[in-house]
C-alpha cells in the first residue's frame, strides 16, 4: 500500500527536478517554473517524511505512529508544494529582472 503512494511522489520529485533543469535553459519556458518547484518540493517532502514516519511507526509499534504514518506526509506534501511554488515565484521574479 505504501509503495504505490511513495512511487507517485517520487515521480513528482523526479519530474519536477527534470523540469527545473529544462526551464533553466529556456528563457521562454521560465513562466512555468513555479509549478516545477512545487512538484519537486512536494515530492521530496512527502518522501522524506513518509520514510521517516514509516521507520518511526515500526520502531515504536504504537497506534499513534501508524496514524502519523498516513496523515502527516500528506500535510507535508501540501506544505512542500506551497513552499516550492513560492520559491518558484521568487526565482521567476529574479529571472525577469
PDB file of N, CA and C in Angstrom:
ATOM      1  N   UNK A   1       0.819  -1.203   0.000  1.00  0.00           N
ATOM      2  CA  UNK A   1       0.000   0.000   0.000  1.00  0.00           C
ATOM      3  C   UNK A   1       0.858   1.260   0.000  1.00  0.00           C
ATOM      4  N   UNK A   2       1.942   1.233   0.760  1.00  0.00           N
ATOM      5  CA  UNK A   2       2.765   2.437   0.867  1.00  0.00           C
ATOM      6  C   UNK A   2       3.637   2.623  -0.376  1.00  0.00           C
ATOM      7  N   UNK A   3       3.982   1.543  -1.057  1.00  0.00           N
ATOM      8  CA  UNK A   3       4.864   1.648  -2.213  1.00  0.00           C
ATOM      9  C   UNK A   3       4.247   2.432  -3.378  1.00  0.00           C
ATOM     10  N   UNK A   4       2.993   2.179  -3.783  1.00  0.00           N
ATOM     11  CA  UNK A   4       2.431   2.985  -4.865  1.00  0.00           C
ATOM     12  C   UNK A   4       2.291   4.472  -4.501  1.00  0.00           C
ATOM     13  N   UNK A   5       1.958   4.750  -3.250  1.00  0.00           N
ATOM     14  CA  UNK A   5       1.831   6.161  -2.845  1.00  0.00           C
ATOM     15  C   UNK A   5       3.192   6.843  -2.876  1.00  0.00           C
ATOM     16  N   UNK A   6       4.206   6.170  -2.374  1.00  0.00           N
ATOM     17  CA  UNK A   6       5.545   6.750  -2.378  1.00  0.00           C
ATOM     18  C   UNK A   6       6.087   6.839  -3.798  1.00  0.00           C
ATOM     19  N   UNK A   7       5.757   5.877  -4.629  1.00  0.00           N
ATOM     20  CA  UNK A   7       6.202   5.900  -6.017  1.00  0.00           C
ATOM     21  C   UNK A   7       5.664   7.101  -6.771  1.00  0.00           C
ATOM     22  N   UNK A   8       4.412   7.466  -6.503  1.00  0.00           N
ATOM     23  CA  UNK A   8       3.834   8.638  -7.161  1.00  0.00           C
ATOM     24  C   UNK A   8       4.581   9.909  -6.771  1.00  0.00           C
ATOM     25  N   UNK A   9       4.885  10.046  -5.494  1.00  0.00           N
ATOM     26  CA  UNK A   9       5.565  11.254  -5.050  1.00  0.00           C
ATOM     27  C   UNK A   9       7.034  11.262  -5.452  1.00  0.00           C
ATOM     28  N   UNK A  10       7.652  10.088  -5.577  1.00  0.00           N
ATOM     29  CA  UNK A  10       8.997  10.032  -6.144  1.00  0.00           C
ATOM     30  C   UNK A  10       8.978  10.470  -7.599  1.00  0.00           C
ATOM     31  N   UNK A  11       7.949  10.070  -8.324  1.00  0.00           N
ATOM     32  CA  UNK A  11       7.800  10.502  -9.706  1.00  0.00           C
ATOM     33  C   UNK A  11       7.629  12.015  -9.779  1.00  0.00           C
ATOM     34  N   UNK A  12       6.858  12.584  -8.853  1.00  0.00           N
ATOM     35  CA  UNK A  12       6.726  14.043  -8.806  1.00  0.00           C
ATOM     36  C   UNK A  12       8.070  14.714  -8.596  1.00  0.00           C
ATOM     37  N   UNK A  13       8.863  14.188  -7.672  1.00  0.00           N
ATOM     38  CA  UNK A  13      10.174  14.778  -7.392  1.00  0.00           C
ATOM     39  C   UNK A  13      11.093  14.664  -8.606  1.00  0.00           C
ATOM     40  N   UNK A  14      11.086  13.523  -9.261  1.00  0.00           N
ATOM     41  CA  UNK A  14      11.953  13.330 -10.423  1.00  0.00           C
ATOM     42  C   UNK A  14      11.530  14.225 -11.581  1.00  0.00           C
ATOM     43  N   UNK A  15      10.246  14.245 -11.881  1.00  0.00           N
ATOM     44  CA  UNK A  15       9.771  15.095 -12.980  1.00  0.00           C
ATOM     45  C   UNK A  15       9.949  16.575 -12.663  1.00  0.00           C
ATOM     46  N   UNK A  16       9.729  16.959 -11.415  1.00  0.00           N
ATOM     47  CA  UNK A  16       9.946  18.352 -11.023  1.00  0.00           C
ATOM     48  C   UNK A  16      11.399  18.760 -11.197  1.00  0.00           C
ATOM     49  N   UNK A  17      12.326  17.886 -10.813  1.00  0.00           N
ATOM     50  CA  UNK A  17      13.746  18.181 -10.990  1.00  0.00           C
ATOM     51  C   UNK A  17      14.140  18.293 -12.456  1.00  0.00           C
ATOM     52  N   UNK A  18      13.625  17.393 -13.270  1.00  0.00           N
ATOM     53  CA  UNK A  18      13.928  17.446 -14.707  1.00  0.00           C
ATOM     54  C   UNK A  18      13.344  18.717 -15.324  1.00  0.00           C
ATOM     55  N   UNK A  19      12.122  19.069 -14.921  1.00  0.00           N
ATOM     56  CA  UNK A  19      11.504  20.279 -15.475  1.00  0.00           C
ATOM     57  C   UNK A  19      12.261  21.532 -15.058  1.00  0.00           C
ATOM     58  N   UNK A  20      12.779  21.565 -13.832  1.00  0.00           N
ATOM     59  CA  UNK A  20      13.561  22.722 -13.395  1.00  0.00           C
ATOM     60  C   UNK A  20      14.826  22.850 -14.236  1.00  0.00           C
ATOM     61  N   UNK A  21      15.481  21.724 -14.518  1.00  0.00           N
ATOM     62  CA  UNK A  21      16.673  21.769 -15.354  1.00  0.00           C
ATOM     63  C   UNK A  21      16.351  22.250 -16.766  1.00  0.00           C
ATOM     64  N   UNK A  22      15.235  21.795 -17.316  1.00  0.00           N
ATOM     65  CA  UNK A  22      14.867  22.218 -18.666  1.00  0.00           C
ATOM     66  C   UNK A  22      14.431  23.679 -18.713  1.00  0.00           C
ATOM     67  N   UNK A  23      13.729  24.134 -17.688  1.00  0.00           N
ATOM     68  CA  UNK A  23      13.260  25.521 -17.673  1.00  0.00           C
ATOM     69  C   UNK A  23      14.418  26.490 -17.473  1.00  0.00           C
ATOM     70  N   UNK A  24      15.466  26.040 -16.794  1.00  0.00           N
ATOM     71  CA  UNK A  24      16.618  26.914 -16.577  1.00  0.00           C
ATOM     72  C   UNK A  24      17.365  27.225 -17.857  1.00  0.00           C
ATOM     73  N   UNK A  25      17.267  26.363 -18.832  1.00  0.00           N
ATOM     74  CA  UNK A  25      17.987  26.577 -20.085  1.00  0.00           C
ATOM     75  C   UNK A  25      17.154  27.311 -21.131  1.00  0.00           C
ATOM     76  N   UNK A  26      15.864  27.480 -20.899  1.00  0.00           N
ATOM     77  CA  UNK A  26      14.989  28.119 -21.869  1.00  0.00           C
ATOM     78  C   UNK A  26      14.284  29.313 -21.214  1.00  0.00           C
ATOM     79  N   UNK A  27      14.623  30.508 -21.660  1.00  0.00           N
ATOM     80  CA  UNK A  27      14.057  31.713 -21.042  1.00  0.00           C
ATOM     81  C   UNK A  27      12.561  31.846 -21.316  1.00  0.00           C
ATOM     82  N   UNK A  28      12.075  31.342 -22.439  1.00  0.00           N
ATOM     83  CA  UNK A  28      10.651  31.473 -22.770  1.00  0.00           C
ATOM     84  C   UNK A  28       9.774  30.536 -21.941  1.00  0.00           C
ATOM     85  N   UNK A  29      10.322  29.436 -21.478  1.00  0.00           N
ATOM     86  CA  UNK A  29       9.551  28.477 -20.688  1.00  0.00           C
ATOM     87  C   UNK A  29       9.644  28.759 -19.192  1.00  0.00           C
ATOM     88  N   UNK A  30      10.319  29.820 -18.814  1.00  0.00           N
ATOM     89  CA  UNK A  30      10.544  30.114 -17.394  1.00  0.00           C
ATOM     90  C   UNK A  30       9.257  30.505 -16.670  1.00  0.00           C
ATOM     91  N   UNK A  31       8.203  30.854 -17.382  1.00  0.00           N
ATOM     92  CA  UNK A  31       6.970  31.255 -16.702  1.00  0.00           C
ATOM     93  C   UNK A  31       6.297  30.084 -15.988  1.00  0.00           C
ATOM     94  N   UNK A  32       6.647  28.852 -16.339  1.00  0.00           N
ATOM     95  CA  UNK A  32       6.091  27.667 -15.682  1.00  0.00           C
ATOM     96  C   UNK A  32       6.975  27.151 -14.555  1.00  0.00           C
ATOM     97  N   UNK A  33       7.983  27.925 -14.183  1.00  0.00           N
ATOM     98  CA  UNK A  33       8.926  27.487 -13.160  1.00  0.00           C
ATOM     99  C   UNK A  33       8.267  27.219 -11.806  1.00  0.00           C
ATOM    100  N   UNK A  34       7.316  28.043 -11.324  1.00  0.00           N
ATOM    101  CA  UNK A  34       6.719  27.748 -10.011  1.00  0.00           C
ATOM    102  C   UNK A  34       6.077  26.372  -9.912  1.00  0.00           C
ATOM    103  N   UNK A  35       5.459  25.901 -10.966  1.00  0.00           N
ATOM    104  CA  UNK A  35       4.846  24.570 -10.931  1.00  0.00           C
ATOM    105  C   UNK A  35       5.910  23.485 -10.816  1.00  0.00           C
ATOM    106  N   UNK A  36       7.045  23.675 -11.463  1.00  0.00           N
ATOM    107  CA  UNK A  36       8.131  22.702 -11.378  1.00  0.00           C
ATOM    108  C   UNK A  36       8.692  22.626  -9.965  1.00  0.00           C
ATOM    109  N   UNK A  37       8.894  23.781  -9.358  1.00  0.00           N
ATOM    110  CA  UNK A  37       9.390  23.807  -7.980  1.00  0.00           C
ATOM    111  C   UNK A  37       8.369  23.180  -7.027  1.00  0.00           C
ATOM    112  N   UNK A  38       7.093  23.437  -7.257  1.00  0.00           N
ATOM    113  CA  UNK A  38       6.061  22.856  -6.394  1.00  0.00           C
ATOM    114  C   UNK A  38       6.076  21.331  -6.492  1.00  0.00           C
ATOM    115  N   UNK A  39       6.237  20.794  -7.698  1.00  0.00           N
ATOM    116  CA  UNK A  39       6.306  19.340  -7.860  1.00  0.00           C
ATOM    117  C   UNK A  39       7.512  18.762  -7.142  1.00  0.00           C
ATOM    118  N   UNK A  40       8.665  19.416  -7.308  1.00  0.00           N
ATOM    119  CA  UNK A  40       9.890  18.921  -6.691  1.00  0.00           C
ATOM    120  C   UNK A  40       9.789  18.931  -5.169  1.00  0.00           C
ATOM    121  N   UNK A  41       9.382  20.058  -4.596  1.00  0.00           N
ATOM    122  CA  UNK A  41       9.328  20.167  -3.144  1.00  0.00           C
ATOM    123  C   UNK A  41       8.246  19.266  -2.548  1.00  0.00           C
ATOM    124  N   UNK A  42       7.097  19.149  -3.196  1.00  0.00           N
ATOM    125  CA  UNK A  42       6.039  18.265  -2.680  1.00  0.00           C
ATOM    126  C   UNK A  42       6.507  16.822  -2.668  1.00  0.00           C
ATOM    127  N   UNK A  43       7.131  16.397  -3.744  1.00  0.00           N
ATOM    128  CA  UNK A  43       7.624  15.023  -3.809  1.00  0.00           C
ATOM    129  C   UNK A  43       8.706  14.740  -2.793  1.00  0.00           C
ATOM    130  N   UNK A  44       9.652  15.663  -2.643  1.00  0.00           N
ATOM    131  CA  UNK A  44      10.737  15.450  -1.693  1.00  0.00           C
ATOM    132  C   UNK A  44      10.249  15.462  -0.253  1.00  0.00           C
ATOM    133  N   UNK A  45       9.398  16.433   0.091  1.00  0.00           N
ATOM    134  CA  UNK A  45       8.879  16.493   1.462  1.00  0.00           C
ATOM    135  C   UNK A  45       8.079  15.250   1.802  1.00  0.00           C
ATOM    136  N   UNK A  46       7.265  14.804   0.877  1.00  0.00           N
ATOM    137  CA  UNK A  46       6.473  13.593   1.143  1.00  0.00           C
ATOM    138  C   UNK A  46       7.383  12.389   1.353  1.00  0.00           C
ATOM    139  N   UNK A  47       8.318  12.196   0.458  1.00  0.00           N
ATOM    140  CA  UNK A  47       9.156  11.002   0.544  1.00  0.00           C
ATOM    141  C   UNK A  47      10.015  10.999   1.801  1.00  0.00           C
ATOM    142  N   UNK A  48      10.577  12.132   2.146  1.00  0.00           N
ATOM    143  CA  UNK A  48      11.421  12.193   3.344  1.00  0.00           C
ATOM    144  C   UNK A  48      10.597  11.909   4.590  1.00  0.00           C
ATOM    145  N   UNK A  49       9.453  12.562   4.723  1.00  0.00           N
ATOM    146  CA  UNK A  49       8.642  12.353   5.916  1.00  0.00           C
ATOM    147  C   UNK A  49       7.958  10.989   5.923  1.00  0.00           C
ATOM    148  N   UNK A  50       7.575  10.479   4.772  1.00  0.00           N
ATOM    149  CA  UNK A  50       6.945   9.160   4.732  1.00  0.00           C
ATOM    150  C   UNK A  50       7.926   8.086   5.179  1.00  0.00           C
ATOM    151  N   UNK A  51       9.152   8.167   4.702  1.00  0.00           N
ATOM    152  CA  UNK A  51      10.156   7.185   5.121  1.00  0.00           C
ATOM    153  C   UNK A  51      10.469   7.344   6.603  1.00  0.00           C
ATOM    154  N   UNK A  52      10.570   8.593   7.062  1.00  0.00           N
ATOM    155  CA  UNK A  52      10.841   8.836   8.478  1.00  0.00           C
ATOM    156  C   UNK A  52       9.747   8.311   9.389  1.00  0.00           C
ATOM    157  N   UNK A  53       8.502   8.599   9.058  1.00  0.00           N
ATOM    158  CA  UNK A  53       7.403   8.126   9.888  1.00  0.00           C
ATOM    159  C   UNK A  53       7.175   6.628   9.734  1.00  0.00           C
ATOM    160  N   UNK A  54       7.539   6.074   8.589  1.00  0.00           N
ATOM    161  CA  UNK A  54       7.469   4.625   8.410  1.00  0.00           C
ATOM    162  C   UNK A  54       8.410   3.933   9.395  1.00  0.00           C
ATOM    163  N   UNK A  55       9.631   4.443   9.454  1.00  0.00           N
ATOM    164  CA  UNK A  55      10.596   3.868  10.396  1.00  0.00           C
ATOM    165  C   UNK A  55      10.178   4.117  11.843  1.00  0.00           C
ATOM    166  N   UNK A  56       9.644   5.296  12.118  1.00  0.00           N
ATOM    167  CA  UNK A  56       9.197   5.613  13.467  1.00  0.00           C
ATOM    168  C   UNK A  56       8.025   4.725  13.897  1.00  0.00           C
ATOM    169  N   UNK A  57       7.086   4.500  12.997  1.00  0.00           N
ATOM    170  CA  UNK A  57       5.914   3.695  13.323  1.00  0.00           C
ATOM    171  C   UNK A  57       6.302   2.265  13.659  1.00  0.00           C
ATOM    172  N   UNK A  58       7.221   1.711  12.907  1.00  0.00           N
ATOM    173  CA  UNK A  58       7.612   0.334  13.189  1.00  0.00           C
ATOM    174  C   UNK A  58       8.583   0.240  14.362  1.00  0.00           C
ATOM    175  N   UNK A  59       9.275   1.322  14.634  1.00  0.00           N
ATOM    176  CA  UNK A  59      10.160   1.329  15.806  1.00  0.00           C
ATOM    177  C   UNK A  59       9.347   1.425  17.089  1.00  0.00           C
ATOM    178  N   UNK A  60       8.354   2.320  17.106  1.00  0.00           N
ATOM    179  CA  UNK A  60       7.531   2.477  18.295  1.00  0.00           C
ATOM    180  C   UNK A  60       6.487   1.378  18.417  1.00  0.00           C
ATOM    181  N   UNK A  61       5.889   1.006  17.293  1.00  0.00           N
ATOM    182  CA  UNK A  61       4.881  -0.046  17.299  1.00  0.00           C
ATOM    183  C   UNK A  61       3.577   0.369  17.950  1.00  0.00           C
ATOM    184  N   UNK A  62       3.300   1.664  17.975  1.00  0.00           N
ATOM    185  CA  UNK A  62       2.065   2.140  18.593  1.00  0.00           C
ATOM    186  C   UNK A  62       1.084   2.591  17.523  1.00  0.00           C
ATOM    187  N   UNK A  63      -0.142   2.779  17.947  1.00  0.00           N
ATOM    188  CA  UNK A  63      -1.175   3.251  17.030  1.00  0.00           C
ATOM    189  C   UNK A  63      -0.875   4.684  16.590  1.00  0.00           C
ATOM    190  N   UNK A  64      -0.329   5.488  17.473  1.00  0.00           N
ATOM    191  CA  UNK A  64      -0.009   6.879  17.140  1.00  0.00           C
ATOM    192  C   UNK A  64       0.992   6.944  15.996  1.00  0.00           C
ATOM    193  N   UNK A  65       1.984   6.078  16.022  1.00  0.00           N
ATOM    194  CA  UNK A  65       2.966   6.050  14.947  1.00  0.00           C
ATOM    195  C   UNK A  65       2.346   5.720  13.603  1.00  0.00           C
ATOM    196  N   UNK A  66       1.397   4.794  13.597  1.00  0.00           N
ATOM    197  CA  UNK A  66       0.748   4.415  12.340  1.00  0.00           C
ATOM    198  C   UNK A  66      -0.216   5.495  11.849  1.00  0.00           C
ATOM    199  N   UNK A  67      -0.868   6.202  12.765  1.00  0.00           N
ATOM    200  CA  UNK A  67      -1.728   7.317  12.363  1.00  0.00           C
ATOM    201  C   UNK A  67      -0.878   8.424  11.759  1.00  0.00           C
ATOM    202  N   UNK A  68       0.254   8.732  12.391  1.00  0.00           N
ATOM    203  CA  UNK A  68       1.164   9.739  11.845  1.00  0.00           C
ATOM    204  C   UNK A  68       1.713   9.312  10.490  1.00  0.00           C
ATOM    205  N   UNK A  69       1.928   8.026  10.333  1.00  0.00           N
ATOM    206  CA  UNK A  69       2.453   7.497   9.073  1.00  0.00           C
ATOM    207  C   UNK A  69       1.548   7.836   7.902  1.00  0.00           C
ATOM    208  N   UNK A  70       0.238   7.821   8.110  1.00  0.00           N
ATOM    209  CA  UNK A  70      -0.674   8.043   6.993  1.00  0.00           C
ATOM    210  C   UNK A  70      -1.149   9.481   6.837  1.00  0.00           C
ATOM    211  N   UNK A  71      -1.106  10.291   7.878  1.00  0.00           N
ATOM    212  CA  UNK A  71      -1.649  11.639   7.762  1.00  0.00           C
ATOM    213  C   UNK A  71      -0.601  12.736   7.608  1.00  0.00           C
ATOM    214  N   UNK A  72       0.499  12.635   8.301  1.00  0.00           N
ATOM    215  CA  UNK A  72       1.497  13.702   8.278  1.00  0.00           C
ATOM    216  C   UNK A  72       2.159  13.860   6.905  1.00  0.00           C
ATOM    217  N   UNK A  73       2.515  12.809   6.180  1.00  0.00           N
ATOM    218  CA  UNK A  73       3.146  13.016   4.876  1.00  0.00           C
ATOM    219  C   UNK A  73       2.266  13.766   3.866  1.00  0.00           C
ATOM    220  N   UNK A  74       0.953  13.607   3.935  1.00  0.00           N
ATOM    221  CA  UNK A  74       0.095  14.360   3.013  1.00  0.00           C
ATOM    222  C   UNK A  74       0.109  15.846   3.338  1.00  0.00           C
ATOM    223  N   UNK A  75       0.135  16.150   4.617  1.00  0.00           N
ATOM    224  CA  UNK A  75       0.262  17.548   5.028  1.00  0.00           C
ATOM    225  C   UNK A  75       1.624  18.083   4.595  1.00  0.00           C
ATOM    226  N   UNK A  76       2.652  17.261   4.718  1.00  0.00           N
ATOM    227  CA  UNK A  76       3.990  17.660   4.289  1.00  0.00           C
ATOM    228  C   UNK A  76       4.050  17.888   2.783  1.00  0.00           C
ATOM    229  N   UNK A  77       3.344  17.072   2.019  1.00  0.00           N
ATOM    230  CA  UNK A  77       3.320  17.266   0.569  1.00  0.00           C
ATOM    231  C   UNK A  77       2.629  18.580   0.216  1.00  0.00           C
ATOM    232  N   UNK A  78       1.556  18.897   0.904  1.00  0.00           N
ATOM    233  CA  UNK A  78       0.869  20.168   0.667  1.00  0.00           C
ATOM    234  C   UNK A  78       1.760  21.339   1.052  1.00  0.00           C
ATOM    235  N   UNK A  79       2.403  21.249   2.206  1.00  0.00           N
ATOM    236  CA  UNK A  79       3.300  22.318   2.639  1.00  0.00           C
ATOM    237  C   UNK A  79       4.488  22.447   1.690  1.00  0.00           C
ATOM    238  N   UNK A  80       5.027  21.327   1.241  1.00  0.00           N
ATOM    239  CA  UNK A  80       6.131  21.358   0.283  1.00  0.00           C
ATOM    240  C   UNK A  80       5.722  21.981  -1.036  1.00  0.00           C
ATOM    241  N   UNK A  81       4.495  21.714  -1.473  1.00  0.00           N
ATOM    242  CA  UNK A  81       4.010  22.321  -2.715  1.00  0.00           C
ATOM    243  C   UNK A  81       3.882  23.832  -2.566  1.00  0.00           C
ATOM    244  N   UNK A  82       3.404  24.288  -1.415  1.00  0.00           N
ATOM    245  CA  UNK A  82       3.269  25.729  -1.196  1.00  0.00           C
ATOM    246  C   UNK A  82       4.637  26.397  -1.140  1.00  0.00           C
ATOM    247  N   UNK A  83       5.557  25.797  -0.389  1.00  0.00           N
ATOM    248  CA  UNK A  83       6.912  26.359  -0.296  1.00  0.00           C
ATOM    249  C   UNK A  83       7.594  26.334  -1.664  1.00  0.00           C
ATOM    250  N   UNK A  84       7.439  25.262  -2.389  1.00  0.00           N
ATOM    251  CA  UNK A  84       8.034  25.163  -3.716  1.00  0.00           C
ATOM    252  C   UNK A  84       7.462  26.173  -4.690  1.00  0.00           C
ATOM    253  N   UNK A  85       6.163  26.405  -4.620  1.00  0.00           N
ATOM    254  CA  UNK A  85       5.544  27.382  -5.514  1.00  0.00           C
ATOM    255  C   UNK A  85       6.050  28.788  -5.207  1.00  0.00           C
ATOM    256  N   UNK A  86       6.162  29.116  -3.913  1.00  0.00           N
ATOM    257  CA  UNK A  86       6.681  30.430  -3.527  1.00  0.00           C
ATOM    258  C   UNK A  86       8.141  30.581  -3.959  1.00  0.00           C
ATOM    259  N   UNK A  87       8.927  29.522  -3.831  1.00  0.00           N
ATOM    260  CA  UNK A  87      10.321  29.562  -4.271  1.00  0.00           C
ATOM    261  C   UNK A  87      10.399  29.752  -5.777  1.00  0.00           C
ATOM    262  N   UNK A  88       9.537  29.075  -6.505  1.00  0.00           N
ATOM    263  CA  UNK A  88       9.500  29.244  -7.955  1.00  0.00           C
ATOM    264  C   UNK A  88       9.087  30.640  -8.372  1.00  0.00           C
ATOM    265  N   UNK A  89       8.156  31.250  -7.634  1.00  0.00           N
ATOM    266  CA  UNK A  89       7.762  32.624  -7.939  1.00  0.00           C
ATOM    267  C   UNK A  89       8.915  33.590  -7.711  1.00  0.00           C
ATOM    268  N   UNK A  90       9.669  33.381  -6.641  1.00  0.00           N
ATOM    269  CA  UNK A  90      10.836  34.240  -6.384  1.00  0.00           C
ATOM    270  C   UNK A  90      11.886  34.050  -7.460  1.00  0.00           C
ATOM    271  N   UNK A  91      12.081  32.811  -7.885  1.00  0.00           N
ATOM    272  CA  UNK A  91      13.048  32.525  -8.945  1.00  0.00           C
ATOM    273  C   UNK A  91      12.611  33.170 -10.252  1.00  0.00           C
ATOM    274  N   UNK A  92      11.335  33.127 -10.542  1.00  0.00           N
ATOM    275  CA  UNK A  92      10.803  33.736 -11.758  1.00  0.00           C
ATOM    276  C   UNK A  92      10.962  35.245 -11.722  1.00  0.00           C
ATOM    277  N   UNK A  93      10.685  35.856 -10.560  1.00  0.00           N
ATOM    278  CA  UNK A  93      10.825  37.304 -10.430  1.00  0.00           C
ATOM    279  C   UNK A  93      12.279  37.726 -10.587  1.00  0.00           C
ATOM    280  N   UNK A  94      13.196  36.936 -10.049  1.00  0.00           N
ATOM    281  CA  UNK A  94      14.622  37.294 -10.185  1.00  0.00           C
ATOM    282  C   UNK A  94      15.102  37.064 -11.615  1.00  0.00           C
ATOM    283  N   UNK A  95      14.507  36.130 -12.339  1.00  0.00           N
ATOM    284  CA  UNK A  95      14.906  35.880 -13.723  1.00  0.00           C
ATOM    285  C   UNK A  95      14.415  36.988 -14.648  1.00  0.00           C
ATOM    286  N   UNK A  96      13.266  37.590 -14.317  1.00  0.00           N
ATOM    287  CA  UNK A  96      12.720  38.655 -15.154  1.00  0.00           C
ATOM    288  C   UNK A  96      13.503  39.949 -15.008  1.00  0.00           C
ATOM    289  N   UNK A  97      14.075  40.161 -13.818  1.00  0.00           N
ATOM    290  CA  UNK A  97      14.799  41.427 -13.620  1.00  0.00           C
ATOM    291  C   UNK A  97      16.266  41.328 -13.943  1.00  0.00           C
TER     292      UNK A  97
END
